[in-house]
Amino acid sequence: MSKAEPEDLEELSAALLEVQRETSRRNAARIRSYADTIREADWLADQIDPEVPNV
């Protein structure tokens, strides 16, 4: 197996960093979506029975 050149390692590192950033963006969007769903469920539960506390 040949030794990787520093330029190759820099390119791979940059590509990996971009993949990690994209994964973080997607995860953040998914978390925001889950939070929206929870808020909507809380609102709906309040419409059904406002006396029951949200958990």
C-alpha atoms as a PDB file:
ATOM      1  CA  MET A   1       0.000   0.000   0.000  1.00  0.00           C
ATOM      2  CA  SER A   2       1.423   3.363  -0.969  1.00  0.00           C
ATOM      3  CA  LYS A   3       1.726   6.291   1.349  1.00  0.00           C
ATOM      4  CA  ALA A   4      -0.862   9.056   0.862  1.00  0.00           C
ATOM      5  CA  GLU A   5       0.386  12.434  -0.206  1.00  0.00           C
ATOM      6  CA  PRO A   6      -0.330  15.412   2.095  1.00  0.00           C
ATOM      7  CA  GLU A   7      -2.472  17.003  -0.639  1.00  0.00           C
ATOM      8  CA  ASP A   8      -4.598  13.843  -0.820  1.00  0.00           C
ATOM      9  CA  LEU A   9      -5.042  13.869   2.943  1.00  0.00           C
ATOM     10  CA  GLU A  10      -6.063  17.533   2.860  1.00  0.00           C
ATOM     11  CA  GLU A  11      -8.656  16.811   0.165  1.00  0.00           C
ATOM     12  CA  LEU A  12     -10.013  13.834   2.073  1.00  0.00           C
ATOM     13  CA  SER A  13     -10.124  15.855   5.295  1.00  0.00           C
ATOM     14  CA  ALA A  14     -12.008  18.683   3.562  1.00  0.00           C
ATOM     15  CA  ALA A  15     -14.466  16.223   2.030  1.00  0.00           C
ATOM     16  CA  LEU A  16     -15.041  14.540   5.377  1.00  0.00           C
ATOM     17  CA  LEU A  17     -15.627  17.891   7.052  1.00  0.00           C
ATOM     18  CA  GLU A  18     -18.248  18.789   4.425  1.00  0.00           C
ATOM     19  CA  VAL A  19     -20.006  15.448   4.937  1.00  0.00           C
ATOM     20  CA  GLN A  20     -20.033  16.048   8.695  1.00  0.00           C
ATOM     21  CA  ARG A  21     -21.474  19.543   8.212  1.00  0.00           C
ATOM     22  CA  GLU A  22     -24.197  18.254   5.903  1.00  0.00           C
ATOM     23  CA  THR A  23     -25.048  15.497   8.379  1.00  0.00           C
ATOM     24  CA  SER A  24     -25.260  18.079  11.171  1.00  0.00           C
ATOM     25  CA  ARG A  25     -27.564  20.280   9.061  1.00  0.00           C
ATOM     26  CA  ARG A  26     -29.842  17.338   8.316  1.00  0.00           C
ATOM     27  CA  ASN A  27     -29.901  16.273  11.967  1.00  0.00           C
ATOM     28  CA  ALA A  28     -30.736  19.814  13.077  1.00  0.00           C
ATOM     29  CA  ALA A  29     -33.582  19.988  10.552  1.00  0.00           C
ATOM     30  CA  ARG A  30     -34.895  16.629  11.777  1.00  0.00           C
ATOM     31  CA  ILE A  31     -34.760  17.793  15.416  1.00  0.00           C
ATOM     32  CA  ARG A  32     -36.622  21.013  14.542  1.00  0.00           C
ATOM     33  CA  SER A  33     -39.260  18.935  12.770  1.00  0.00           C
ATOM     34  CA  TYR A  34     -39.657  16.702  15.827  1.00  0.00           C
ATOM     35  CA  ALA A  35     -39.993  19.788  18.041  1.00  0.00           C
ATOM     36  CA  ASP A  36     -42.698  21.180  15.736  1.00  0.00           C
ATOM     37  CA  THR A  37     -44.555  17.862  15.901  1.00  0.00           C
ATOM     38  CA  ILE A  38     -44.387  17.872  19.702  1.00  0.00           C
ATOM     39  CA  ARG A  39     -45.701  21.455  19.870  1.00  0.00           C
ATOM     40  CA  GLU A  40     -48.571  20.526  17.541  1.00  0.00           C
ATOM     41  CA  ALA A  41     -49.375  17.454  19.651  1.00  0.00           C
ATOM     42  CA  ASP A  42     -49.359  19.588  22.823  1.00  0.00           C
ATOM     43  CA  TRP A  43     -51.681  22.099  21.169  1.00  0.00           C
ATOM     44  CA  LEU A  44     -54.032  19.329  20.043  1.00  0.00           C
ATOM     45  CA  ALA A  45     -54.024  17.770  23.517  1.00  0.00           C
ATOM     46  CA  ASP A  46     -54.912  21.174  24.989  1.00  0.00           C
ATOM     47  CA  GLN A  47     -57.864  21.390  22.588  1.00  0.00           C
ATOM     48  CA  ILE A  48     -59.093  17.974  23.661  1.00  0.00           C
ATOM     49  CA  ASP A  49     -58.664  18.460  27.421  1.00  0.00           C
ATOM     50  CA  PRO A  50     -57.016  21.663  28.671  1.00  0.00           C
ATOM     51  CA  GLU A  51     -57.099  20.394  32.271  1.00  0.00           C
ATOM     52  CA  VAL A  52     -54.556  17.618  31.617  1.00  0.00           C
ATOM     53  CA  PRO A  53     -51.022  18.967  32.025  1.00  0.00           C
ATOM     54  CA  ASN A  54     -48.508  18.542  29.216  1.00  0.00           C
ATOM     55  CA  VAL A  55     -45.725  16.146  30.090  1.00  0.00           C
END
